[in-house]
Protein backbone atom coordinates (compact mmCIF):
# COMPACT_ATOMS: atom_id res chain seq x y z
CA MET A 1 23.71 2.92 25.86
CA SER A 2 25.99 3.22 23.42
CA ALA A 3 26.68 7.02 22.68
CA VAL A 4 24.92 8.18 19.56
CA VAL A 5 27.05 10.14 17.07
CA ASN A 6 25.59 12.27 14.02
CA LEU A 7 26.82 11.28 10.53
CA LYS A 8 26.41 13.96 7.65
CA ASN A 9 25.73 13.07 4.09
CA SER A 10 27.49 14.65 1.50
CA GLN A 11 25.87 17.78 1.39
CA GLY A 12 26.93 18.31 5.19
CA ASN A 13 23.19 17.45 6.65
CA PRO A 14 23.10 15.55 9.67
CA ARG A 15 21.65 12.27 9.14
CA GLY A 16 21.64 8.73 10.29
CA LYS A 17 22.65 7.53 13.83
CA GLN A 18 25.55 5.36 13.89
CA ARG A 19 26.19 3.69 17.16
CA ASP A 20 29.28 2.27 18.79
CA THR A 21 28.46 -0.98 18.39
CA GLY A 22 27.80 -0.66 14.83
CA ASP A 23 25.90 0.84 12.31
CA GLU A 24 21.84 -0.18 13.17
CA LEU A 25 18.53 0.91 11.97
CA VAL A 26 16.42 2.11 15.07
CA ILE A 27 12.90 1.82 14.92
CA ALA A 28 10.64 2.75 17.92
CA GLY A 29 13.75 2.00 20.29
CA VAL A 30 14.26 -1.21 18.72
CA SER A 31 17.62 -2.09 16.86
CA TYR A 32 17.94 -3.81 13.60
CA GLN A 33 20.70 -4.90 11.63
CA SER A 34 19.21 -4.98 8.61
CA ARG A 35 17.72 -1.88 6.79
CA LEU A 36 15.46 -3.88 4.26
CA LEU A 37 12.08 -4.60 4.85
CA VAL A 38 10.26 -6.82 2.76
CA GLY A 39 6.65 -7.84 2.29
CA THR A 40 4.40 -11.16 1.68
CA GLY A 41 2.38 -10.70 -1.21
CA LYS A 42 2.34 -11.96 -4.79
CA TYR A 43 4.91 -15.02 -4.34
CA LYS A 44 3.52 -18.39 -6.20
CA ASP A 45 3.41 -20.04 -2.64
CA PHE A 46 4.70 -20.07 1.13
CA ALA A 47 7.71 -21.95 -0.04
CA GLU A 48 8.97 -19.11 -2.25
CA ASN A 49 8.04 -16.38 0.26
CA LYS A 50 10.09 -17.91 2.87
CA ALA A 51 13.20 -18.87 0.47
CA ALA A 52 12.99 -15.12 -0.63
CA ILE A 53 12.62 -13.41 3.10
CA GLU A 54 15.65 -15.48 4.23
CA ALA A 55 17.66 -14.18 1.03
CA SER A 56 16.68 -10.64 1.70
CA GLY A 57 18.29 -11.35 5.27
CA ALA A 58 15.36 -8.69 6.31
CA GLU A 59 14.13 -8.94 10.12
CA ILE A 60 11.12 -7.00 9.93
CA VAL A 61 8.33 -8.41 7.26
CA THR A 62 5.18 -6.45 6.74
CA VAL A 63 1.75 -8.52 6.36
CA ALA A 64 -1.25 -7.10 4.59
CA ILE A 65 -3.79 -7.91 7.26
CA ARG A 66 -6.97 -7.78 4.71
CA ARG A 67 -5.15 -10.02 2.53
CA SER A 68 -3.27 -12.56 4.56
CA ASN A 69 -4.15 -15.07 7.36
CA ILE A 70 -2.56 -14.33 10.36
CA GLY A 71 -4.98 -16.29 12.50
CA GLN A 72 -8.46 -14.97 11.71
CA ASN A 73 -9.40 -17.44 9.52
CA PRO A 74 -8.31 -20.71 11.88
CA ASP A 75 -9.25 -23.31 8.75
CA GLU A 76 -6.81 -21.43 6.52
CA PRO A 77 -2.71 -21.81 5.99
CA ASN A 78 -1.52 -19.30 8.68
CA LEU A 79 1.72 -16.89 7.25
CA LEU A 80 2.71 -17.07 10.65
CA ASP A 81 3.46 -20.58 10.07
CA ILE A 82 6.77 -19.42 7.56
CA ILE A 83 7.38 -16.09 9.09
CA SER A 84 7.60 -16.81 13.01
CA PRO A 85 7.15 -13.46 15.49
CA ASP A 86 10.30 -15.66 17.08
CA LYS A 87 12.42 -14.50 14.06
CA TYR A 88 11.01 -11.79 12.67
CA THR A 89 9.33 -8.08 13.77
CA ILE A 90 6.05 -8.71 12.04
CA LEU A 91 4.98 -5.29 10.41
CA PRO A 92 0.86 -5.47 10.00
CA ASN A 93 -0.07 -3.18 7.06
CA THR A 94 -3.63 -1.38 6.51
CA ALA A 95 -3.06 -2.03 2.39
CA GLY A 96 -6.26 -2.18 0.54
CA CYS A 97 -7.81 0.14 3.00
CA TYR A 98 -9.33 3.62 1.56
CA THR A 99 -11.00 5.21 4.27
CA VAL A 100 -9.78 6.45 7.91
CA GLU A 101 -11.89 3.74 9.60
CA ASP A 102 -11.05 1.04 7.72
CA ALA A 103 -7.23 1.57 8.48
CA VAL A 104 -8.04 2.12 12.31
CA ARG A 105 -10.05 -1.15 12.42
CA THR A 106 -7.48 -3.08 10.53
CA CYS A 107 -4.73 -2.15 12.97
CA ARG A 108 -6.75 -2.73 15.84
CA LEU A 109 -7.97 -6.26 14.49
CA ALA A 110 -3.66 -6.96 13.85
CA ARG A 111 -2.85 -5.86 17.60
CA GLU A 112 -5.98 -8.17 18.99
CA LEU A 113 -4.58 -11.09 16.49
CA LEU A 114 -0.67 -10.63 17.61
CA ASP A 115 -1.20 -10.22 21.28
CA GLY A 116 -1.08 -6.65 21.94
CA HIS A 117 1.51 -5.86 19.02
CA ASP A 118 1.76 -2.23 18.34
CA LEU A 119 4.06 -1.34 15.63
CA VAL A 120 1.96 -1.08 12.40
CA LYS A 121 2.13 0.38 8.77
CA LEU A 122 -0.01 2.55 8.15
CA GLU A 123 -1.67 3.08 4.45
CA VAL A 124 -4.58 5.29 3.65
CA LEU A 125 -4.99 5.05 0.13
CA GLY A 126 -6.92 7.40 -2.04
CA ASP A 127 -7.25 5.77 -5.63
CA GLU A 128 -7.33 2.33 -6.77
CA LYS A 129 -5.52 2.83 -10.31
CA THR A 130 -2.55 4.61 -8.60
CA LEU A 131 -2.35 3.40 -5.27
CA PHE A 132 -1.59 7.17 -4.18
CA PRO A 133 -2.12 7.70 -0.67
CA ASP A 134 -4.81 9.81 0.76
CA VAL A 135 -2.75 12.09 2.38
CA THR A 136 -5.93 14.13 4.31
CA GLY A 137 -6.99 10.32 5.40
CA THR A 138 -3.49 9.42 6.39
CA LEU A 139 -3.07 12.00 8.61
CA ALA A 140 -6.55 11.78 10.39
CA ALA A 141 -6.04 7.86 10.62
CA ALA A 142 -2.35 8.46 12.05
CA ASP A 143 -3.60 10.77 14.68
CA ILE A 144 -6.11 8.36 15.97
CA LEU A 145 -3.50 5.31 16.35
CA VAL A 146 -0.78 7.41 17.97
CA LYS A 147 -3.24 8.15 20.53
CA ASP A 148 -4.63 4.88 20.54
CA GLY A 149 -0.88 3.60 21.69
CA PHE A 150 0.22 2.13 18.26
CA LYS A 151 3.66 2.87 17.14
CA VAL A 152 3.05 4.24 13.70
CA MET A 153 5.19 3.95 10.33
CA VAL A 154 3.53 5.54 7.42
CA TYR A 155 3.16 5.46 4.09
CA THR A 156 2.75 8.75 2.09
CA ASN A 157 3.54 10.90 -1.07
CA ASP A 158 7.21 12.57 -1.24
CA ASP A 159 5.58 15.91 0.19
CA PRO A 160 8.22 17.36 2.78
CA ILE A 161 5.36 19.12 4.35
CA ILE A 162 3.30 16.38 4.86
CA ALA A 163 5.98 13.97 5.74
CA LYS A 164 7.55 16.49 8.30
CA ARG A 165 3.40 16.94 9.68
CA LEU A 166 3.34 12.73 10.04
CA GLU A 167 6.65 13.14 12.15
CA GLU A 168 5.16 15.75 14.55
CA LEU A 169 1.71 13.78 15.10
CA GLY A 170 4.29 11.10 16.83
CA CYS A 171 4.62 8.58 13.89
CA VAL A 172 8.14 6.75 14.66
CA ALA A 173 8.88 6.35 10.82
CA VAL A 174 8.00 8.14 7.70
CA MET A 175 7.98 6.08 4.48
CA PRO A 176 7.57 8.26 1.30
CA LEU A 177 6.83 6.61 -1.80
CA ALA A 178 10.20 6.99 -4.61
CA ALA A 179 7.27 6.02 -7.41
CA PRO A 180 3.76 4.23 -7.44
CA ILE A 181 3.40 1.28 -5.82
CA GLY A 182 4.42 -1.80 -7.68
CA SER A 183 5.45 0.44 -10.84
CA GLY A 184 9.10 -0.30 -10.02
CA LEU A 185 10.32 3.03 -12.12
CA GLY A 186 13.03 3.51 -9.31
CA ILE A 187 13.53 6.97 -7.29
CA ARG A 188 11.57 9.19 -9.38
CA ASN A 189 12.40 12.82 -7.22
CA PRO A 190 15.73 12.20 -5.19
CA TYR A 191 15.29 16.00 -4.69
CA ASN A 192 12.06 15.98 -2.38
CA ILE A 193 13.28 12.89 -0.47
CA ARG A 194 16.46 14.50 0.16
CA MET A 195 14.07 17.41 1.34
CA ILE A 196 12.42 15.18 3.54
CA LEU A 197 15.85 13.56 4.68
CA GLU A 198 17.10 16.84 5.73
CA ASN A 199 14.12 17.86 8.37
CA ALA A 200 13.64 14.56 9.78
CA THR A 201 14.08 13.33 12.95
CA VAL A 202 12.68 9.98 12.56
CA PRO A 203 13.90 7.03 10.40
CA ILE A 204 12.75 7.73 6.54
CA LEU A 205 12.48 4.78 4.64
CA VAL A 206 11.60 4.47 0.89
CA ASP A 207 8.27 2.57 0.36
CA ALA A 208 7.37 2.13 -3.24
CA GLY A 209 8.47 2.42 -6.44
CA VAL A 210 12.01 -0.02 -6.23
CA GLY A 211 12.50 -2.04 -9.28
CA THR A 212 16.11 -3.38 -9.12
CA ALA A 213 18.91 -3.34 -6.61
CA SER A 214 20.39 -0.26 -8.15
CA ASP A 215 17.53 1.69 -7.21
CA SER A 216 17.75 0.61 -3.53
CA ALA A 217 21.19 1.64 -3.53
CA ILE A 218 20.12 5.12 -4.48
CA ALA A 219 17.90 5.32 -1.73
CA MET A 220 20.61 4.83 0.65
CA GLU A 221 23.17 7.02 -0.96
CA LEU A 222 20.75 9.89 -0.71
CA GLY A 223 20.65 8.57 3.02
CA CYS A 224 17.38 6.86 3.69
CA ASP A 225 17.15 4.95 6.61
CA GLY A 226 15.95 2.02 5.10
CA VAL A 227 14.07 0.55 2.10
CA LEU A 228 10.87 -1.58 2.13
CA MET A 229 9.59 -3.49 -0.81
CA ASN A 230 7.54 -6.23 -1.82
CA THR A 231 6.95 -6.38 -5.89
CA ALA A 232 10.15 -5.73 -6.74
CA ILE A 233 11.49 -9.11 -5.52
CA ALA A 234 8.08 -11.14 -5.52
CA ALA A 235 7.70 -10.16 -9.20
CA ALA A 236 11.43 -10.68 -10.37
CA GLN A 237 12.02 -13.87 -12.35
CA ASP A 238 13.91 -15.40 -9.92
CA PRO A 239 12.81 -13.47 -6.55
CA ILE A 240 15.35 -15.29 -4.39
CA LEU A 241 18.00 -14.21 -6.48
CA MET A 242 16.76 -10.50 -6.35
CA ALA A 243 15.74 -11.00 -2.74
CA SER A 244 19.75 -11.54 -2.19
CA ALA A 245 20.54 -8.77 -4.74
CA MET A 246 18.47 -6.14 -3.01
CA LYS A 247 20.20 -7.01 0.37
CA LYS A 248 23.61 -6.03 -1.30
CA GLY A 249 22.08 -3.03 -3.11
CA VAL A 250 20.68 -1.70 0.46
CA GLU A 251 24.11 -2.83 2.25
CA ALA A 252 26.26 -1.00 -0.76
CA GLY A 253 24.24 2.19 -0.92
CA ARG A 254 24.70 2.36 2.71
CA GLU A 255 28.26 2.01 2.87
CA ALA A 256 28.78 4.29 0.14
CA TYR A 257 26.56 6.72 1.79
CA LEU A 258 28.66 6.86 5.45
CA ALA A 259 32.01 6.79 3.11
CA GLY A 260 31.05 9.64 1.72
CA ARG A 261 31.49 10.32 -2.07
CA MET A 262 33.74 12.53 -4.06
CA PRO A 263 32.83 16.26 -5.47
CA ARG A 264 31.15 16.03 -8.61
CA LYS A 265 33.22 17.49 -11.01
CA LEU A 266 32.95 18.98 -14.82
CA TYR A 267 36.85 18.09 -15.18
CA ALA A 268 39.06 15.32 -14.02
CA ASN A 269 42.20 16.11 -11.88
CA ALA A 270 45.30 14.13 -12.11
CA SER A 271 45.33 11.42 -9.33
CA SER A 272 48.72 12.76 -8.42
CA PRO A 273 50.38 16.35 -8.60
CA ILE A 274 53.14 16.85 -11.27
CA ASP A 275 54.82 19.55 -9.28
CA GLY A 276 58.18 18.65 -8.68
CA THR A 277 58.67 15.81 -11.07
CA PHE A 278 61.81 15.44 -13.25
CA PHE A 279 59.79 15.57 -16.60
């Protein structure tokens, strides 16, 4: 296995895992080249969905089990016909679940439908209007699922204490919201995201609230390990073009983070010193 080296962000906090073979996202021991994860909802048809996923360059595609057919309804079109598990890592999610019981049941259904697949995205929602997470329910469901052998990527609020608690429960990735789901408001509280990053030893991915490519770049410049989005692409006037833009935004933000931005200064300094010049 390649050596793992620590990187430091512009504030001196160790974050990120860059391998000798390149800068990869590692989730539950599996390496991915793309740090953009995308969803499958709200597209006009399967063809548009497929084209957008391809334009995004994503390798992990999340699927709402309660809203999508991945084999549980044999008489309906199967989403897996366009996002083959042979090409993508399918990430079943529990969108639409408002209780611990529903979330756990949905993950177990996904594992059955996907022949033992154990990587899942956990959401336990607390409110139909805001779709904010039910934090106590999320903690309870995460505990059950981890003990049941699932590798849990978990949607949560941007509370650094809760994020750390979910990591301690055994979640393989923590995904704080940047703003309410589907809002497109961008990164509303970068300071909380930074605090989560400073204390984390598992991947941290922004999940929810991204609206455009600059939002995804900002998330990556903060030091996030990735970004998960659906509405920002699917609800764009040109979803395929937006998927391409998001890919570039994530890549640019990651490169800028690794490069280390210049210090912010109130006044500019001359690019070249004037000492010793003849005039």
